[in-house]
Amino acid sequence: MIETTPTGNDAIVLAGYEAFARGDMPALARLFAPDAVWTHRNAGRFGGPKRGFDAIAAFFGESVDLSGGSMRVEPRAAIGEGDTVAVLTHMTGRRPDGRTLDDEQVHLFHMRDGVAVAVDQYIGDPAAVEAFWA
């Protein structure tokens, strides 16, 4: 868990993770610009860009659905400078068929005027993540 008190863009981004954990989509939507792009930098089912919050929300929703609601994204550290916030995350989940996910990732948020305009999701173990979502 994060040991320092975030301020500015760090706090905004971390509030988005809290909203995701609660399933609070209206609060999560406030984190993103209407034309935001989330790019999952991995091959497989979720690879590539999701453009606009509706596509981002659908990506999040499919992840939760496929994991039978077990998907957890725990921010471990957030480091921000100006309009960029890097978040080290620990992602876990379990598929109904028994496959498990346990991956350290980096989510790099690009902010403008207090909202995310782009996010780059870097996977810790690409092969394991692809196998989990296959």
C-alpha atoms as a PDB file:
ATOM      1  CA  MET A   1       0.000   0.000   0.000  1.00  0.00           C
ATOM      2  CA  ILE A   2       1.087   3.568  -0.571  1.00  0.00           C
ATOM      3  CA  GLU A   3       2.931   5.047   2.394  1.00  0.00           C
ATOM      4  CA  THR A   4       2.898   8.747   1.527  1.00  0.00           C
ATOM      5  CA  THR A   5       0.007  11.161   1.188  1.00  0.00           C
ATOM      6  CA  PRO A   6      -0.443  11.948  -2.499  1.00  0.00           C
ATOM      7  CA  THR A   7      -1.331  15.419  -3.722  1.00  0.00           C
ATOM      8  CA  GLY A   8      -2.243  16.871  -7.104  1.00  0.00           C
ATOM      9  CA  ASN A   9      -2.419  14.480 -10.042  1.00  0.00           C
ATOM     10  CA  ASP A  10      -1.223  11.574  -7.876  1.00  0.00           C
ATOM     11  CA  ALA A  11      -4.272  11.970  -5.639  1.00  0.00           C
ATOM     12  CA  ILE A  12      -6.626  12.241  -8.621  1.00  0.00           C
ATOM     13  CA  VAL A  13      -5.259   9.035 -10.161  1.00  0.00           C
ATOM     14  CA  LEU A  14      -5.346   7.120  -6.876  1.00  0.00           C
ATOM     15  CA  ALA A  15      -8.962   8.199  -6.346  1.00  0.00           C
ATOM     16  CA  GLY A  16      -9.675   6.484  -9.673  1.00  0.00           C
ATOM     17  CA  TYR A  17      -8.243   3.209  -8.363  1.00  0.00           C
ATOM     18  CA  GLU A  18     -10.426   3.536  -5.269  1.00  0.00           C
ATOM     19  CA  ALA A  19     -13.480   4.120  -7.479  1.00  0.00           C
ATOM     20  CA  PHE A  20     -12.629   1.006  -9.536  1.00  0.00           C
ATOM     21  CA  ALA A  21     -12.300  -1.065  -6.350  1.00  0.00           C
ATOM     22  CA  ARG A  22     -15.772   0.110  -5.240  1.00  0.00           C
ATOM     23  CA  GLY A  23     -17.282  -0.423  -8.687  1.00  0.00           C
ATOM     24  CA  ASP A  24     -18.176   3.279  -8.771  1.00  0.00           C
ATOM     25  CA  MET A  25     -18.206   3.944 -12.514  1.00  0.00           C
ATOM     26  CA  PRO A  26     -19.477   7.564 -12.312  1.00  0.00           C
ATOM     27  CA  ALA A  27     -16.550   8.464 -10.015  1.00  0.00           C
ATOM     28  CA  LEU A  28     -14.126   6.545 -12.228  1.00  0.00           C
ATOM     29  CA  ALA A  29     -15.434   8.336 -15.332  1.00  0.00           C
ATOM     30  CA  ARG A  30     -14.468  11.684 -13.779  1.00  0.00           C
ATOM     31  CA  LEU A  31     -10.807  10.612 -13.929  1.00  0.00           C
ATOM     32  CA  PHE A  32     -10.833  10.469 -17.733  1.00  0.00           C
ATOM     33  CA  ALA A  33     -11.167  13.061 -20.476  1.00  0.00           C
ATOM     34  CA  PRO A  34     -14.020  12.158 -22.883  1.00  0.00           C
ATOM     35  CA  ASP A  35     -11.493  11.265 -25.607  1.00  0.00           C
ATOM     36  CA  ALA A  36      -8.980   9.519 -23.313  1.00  0.00           C
ATOM     37  CA  VAL A  37      -7.063   6.526 -24.648  1.00  0.00           C
ATOM     38  CA  TRP A  38      -6.022   3.528 -22.512  1.00  0.00           C
ATOM     39  CA  THR A  39      -3.372   1.405 -24.239  1.00  0.00           C
ATOM     40  CA  HIS A  40      -2.779  -2.114 -22.940  1.00  0.00           C
ATOM     41  CA  ARG A  41       0.792  -2.755 -24.078  1.00  0.00           C
ATOM     42  CA  ASN A  42       0.549  -6.504 -24.515  1.00  0.00           C
ATOM     43  CA  ALA A  43      -0.638  -8.904 -27.164  1.00  0.00           C
ATOM     44  CA  GLY A  44      -3.724 -11.031 -26.710  1.00  0.00           C
ATOM     45  CA  ARG A  45      -7.348 -10.346 -25.883  1.00  0.00           C
ATOM     46  CA  PHE A  46      -6.919  -6.869 -24.372  1.00  0.00           C
ATOM     47  CA  GLY A  47      -3.915  -5.612 -26.352  1.00  0.00           C
ATOM     48  CA  GLY A  48      -4.000  -2.209 -27.988  1.00  0.00           C
ATOM     49  CA  PRO A  49      -5.797   1.096 -27.448  1.00  0.00           C
ATOM     50  CA  LYS A  50      -9.279   1.702 -26.052  1.00  0.00           C
ATOM     51  CA  ARG A  51     -10.519   5.129 -27.189  1.00  0.00           C
ATOM     52  CA  GLY A  52     -13.004   7.092 -25.097  1.00  0.00           C
ATOM     53  CA  PHE A  53     -14.362   6.288 -21.654  1.00  0.00           C
ATOM     54  CA  ASP A  54     -17.077   3.964 -22.984  1.00  0.00           C
ATOM     55  CA  ALA A  55     -14.393   1.715 -24.525  1.00  0.00           C
ATOM     56  CA  ILE A  56     -12.213   1.967 -21.413  1.00  0.00           C
ATOM     57  CA  ALA A  57     -15.184   1.079 -19.190  1.00  0.00           C
ATOM     58  CA  ALA A  58     -16.064  -1.873 -21.450  1.00  0.00           C
ATOM     59  CA  PHE A  59     -12.456  -3.121 -21.136  1.00  0.00           C
ATOM     60  CA  PHE A  60     -12.612  -2.827 -17.346  1.00  0.00           C
ATOM     61  CA  GLY A  61     -16.038  -4.486 -17.265  1.00  0.00           C
ATOM     62  CA  GLU A  62     -14.939  -7.423 -19.414  1.00  0.00           C
ATOM     63  CA  SER A  63     -11.895  -7.910 -17.166  1.00  0.00           C
ATOM     64  CA  VAL A  64     -14.097  -8.042 -14.085  1.00  0.00           C
ATOM     65  CA  ASP A  65     -16.642 -10.328 -15.775  1.00  0.00           C
ATOM     66  CA  LEU A  66     -14.027 -12.784 -17.061  1.00  0.00           C
ATOM     67  CA  SER A  67     -12.483 -12.978 -13.596  1.00  0.00           C
ATOM     68  CA  GLY A  68     -15.849 -13.724 -12.018  1.00  0.00           C
ATOM     69  CA  GLY A  69     -15.606 -10.443 -10.116  1.00  0.00           C
ATOM     70  CA  SER A  70     -12.281 -11.391  -8.519  1.00  0.00           C
ATOM     71  CA  MET A  71     -10.122  -8.807 -10.346  1.00  0.00           C
ATOM     72  CA  ARG A  72      -8.166  -6.631  -7.914  1.00  0.00           C
ATOM     73  CA  VAL A  73      -5.883  -3.759  -8.860  1.00  0.00           C
ATOM     74  CA  GLU A  74      -3.861  -2.547  -5.884  1.00  0.00           C
ATOM     75  CA  PRO A  75      -1.731   0.556  -6.356  1.00  0.00           C
ATOM     76  CA  ARG A  76       1.591  -0.003  -4.567  1.00  0.00           C
ATOM     77  CA  ALA A  77       3.272   3.316  -5.355  1.00  0.00           C
ATOM     78  CA  ALA A  78       2.421   6.457  -7.286  1.00  0.00           C
ATOM     79  CA  ILE A  79       5.111   8.783  -8.538  1.00  0.00           C
ATOM     80  CA  GLY A  80       4.101  11.964 -10.255  1.00  0.00           C
ATOM     81  CA  GLU A  81       5.904  14.786 -11.911  1.00  0.00           C
ATOM     82  CA  GLY A  82       3.950  17.499 -13.654  1.00  0.00           C
ATOM     83  CA  ASP A  83       1.302  15.939 -15.878  1.00  0.00           C
ATOM     84  CA  THR A  84       2.674  12.384 -15.659  1.00  0.00           C
ATOM     85  CA  VAL A  85       1.861   9.853 -12.934  1.00  0.00           C
ATOM     86  CA  ALA A  86       3.414   6.380 -12.848  1.00  0.00           C
ATOM     87  CA  VAL A  87       1.586   3.844 -10.705  1.00  0.00           C
ATOM     88  CA  LEU A  88       3.117   0.508  -9.738  1.00  0.00           C
ATOM     89  CA  THR A  89       0.175  -1.871  -9.416  1.00  0.00           C
ATOM     90  CA  HIS A  90      -0.340  -5.423  -8.238  1.00  0.00           C
ATOM     91  CA  MET A  91      -3.083  -7.120 -10.234  1.00  0.00           C
ATOM     92  CA  THR A  92      -4.702 -10.343  -9.111  1.00  0.00           C
ATOM     93  CA  GLY A  93      -7.649 -12.375 -10.268  1.00  0.00           C
ATOM     94  CA  ARG A  94      -9.025 -15.852 -10.721  1.00  0.00           C
ATOM     95  CA  ARG A  95     -10.892 -17.215 -13.730  1.00  0.00           C
ATOM     96  CA  PRO A  96     -13.805 -19.613 -13.109  1.00  0.00           C
ATOM     97  CA  ASP A  97     -11.715 -22.385 -14.717  1.00  0.00           C
ATOM     98  CA  GLY A  98      -9.000 -21.967 -12.057  1.00  0.00           C
ATOM     99  CA  ARG A  99      -6.465 -19.841 -13.956  1.00  0.00           C
ATOM    100  CA  THR A 100      -4.924 -17.161 -11.730  1.00  0.00           C
ATOM    101  CA  LEU A 101      -3.383 -13.773 -12.322  1.00  0.00           C
ATOM    102  CA  ASP A 102      -0.684 -12.330 -10.088  1.00  0.00           C
ATOM    103  CA  ASP A 103       1.167  -9.580 -11.947  1.00  0.00           C
ATOM    104  CA  GLU A 104       3.109  -6.439 -11.111  1.00  0.00           C
ATOM    105  CA  GLN A 105       2.384  -3.720 -13.670  1.00  0.00           C
ATOM    106  CA  VAL A 106       3.076  -0.063 -14.346  1.00  0.00           C
ATOM    107  CA  HIS A 107       0.254   2.240 -15.409  1.00  0.00           C
ATOM    108  CA  LEU A 108       1.545   5.519 -16.799  1.00  0.00           C
ATOM    109  CA  PHE A 109      -1.076   8.288 -16.698  1.00  0.00           C
ATOM    110  CA  HIS A 110      -0.762  11.373 -18.874  1.00  0.00           C
ATOM    111  CA  MET A 111      -2.858  14.143 -17.327  1.00  0.00           C
ATOM    112  CA  ARG A 112      -4.183  17.458 -18.612  1.00  0.00           C
ATOM    113  CA  ASP A 113      -6.183  19.861 -16.464  1.00  0.00           C
ATOM    114  CA  GLY A 114      -6.765  17.243 -13.761  1.00  0.00           C
ATOM    115  CA  VAL A 115      -8.016  14.410 -16.006  1.00  0.00           C
ATOM    116  CA  ALA A 116      -6.290  11.493 -17.720  1.00  0.00           C
ATOM    117  CA  VAL A 117      -5.953  11.941 -21.472  1.00  0.00           C
ATOM    118  CA  ALA A 118      -3.904   8.769 -22.001  1.00  0.00           C
ATOM    119  CA  VAL A 119      -2.808   5.741 -20.008  1.00  0.00           C
ATOM    120  CA  ASP A 120      -0.125   3.239 -20.974  1.00  0.00           C
ATOM    121  CA  GLN A 121      -0.459  -0.127 -19.215  1.00  0.00           C
ATOM    122  CA  TYR A 122       2.827  -2.062 -19.075  1.00  0.00           C
ATOM    123  CA  ILE A 123       2.594  -5.741 -18.145  1.00  0.00           C
ATOM    124  CA  GLY A 124       5.106  -7.429 -15.830  1.00  0.00           C
ATOM    125  CA  ASP A 125       4.799 -10.973 -17.226  1.00  0.00           C
ATOM    126  CA  PRO A 126       3.324 -10.733 -20.732  1.00  0.00           C
ATOM    127  CA  ALA A 127       3.069 -14.485 -21.363  1.00  0.00           C
ATOM    128  CA  ALA A 128       1.309 -15.162 -18.060  1.00  0.00           C
ATOM    129  CA  VAL A 129      -1.142 -12.289 -18.584  1.00  0.00           C
ATOM    130  CA  GLU A 130      -1.944 -13.445 -22.126  1.00  0.00           C
ATOM    131  CA  ALA A 131      -2.547 -17.006 -20.860  1.00  0.00           C
ATOM    132  CA  PHE A 132      -4.839 -15.736 -18.092  1.00  0.00           C
ATOM    133  CA  TRP A 133      -7.053 -13.781 -20.496  1.00  0.00           C
ATOM    134  CA  ALA A 134      -6.943 -16.280 -23.420  1.00  0.00           C
END
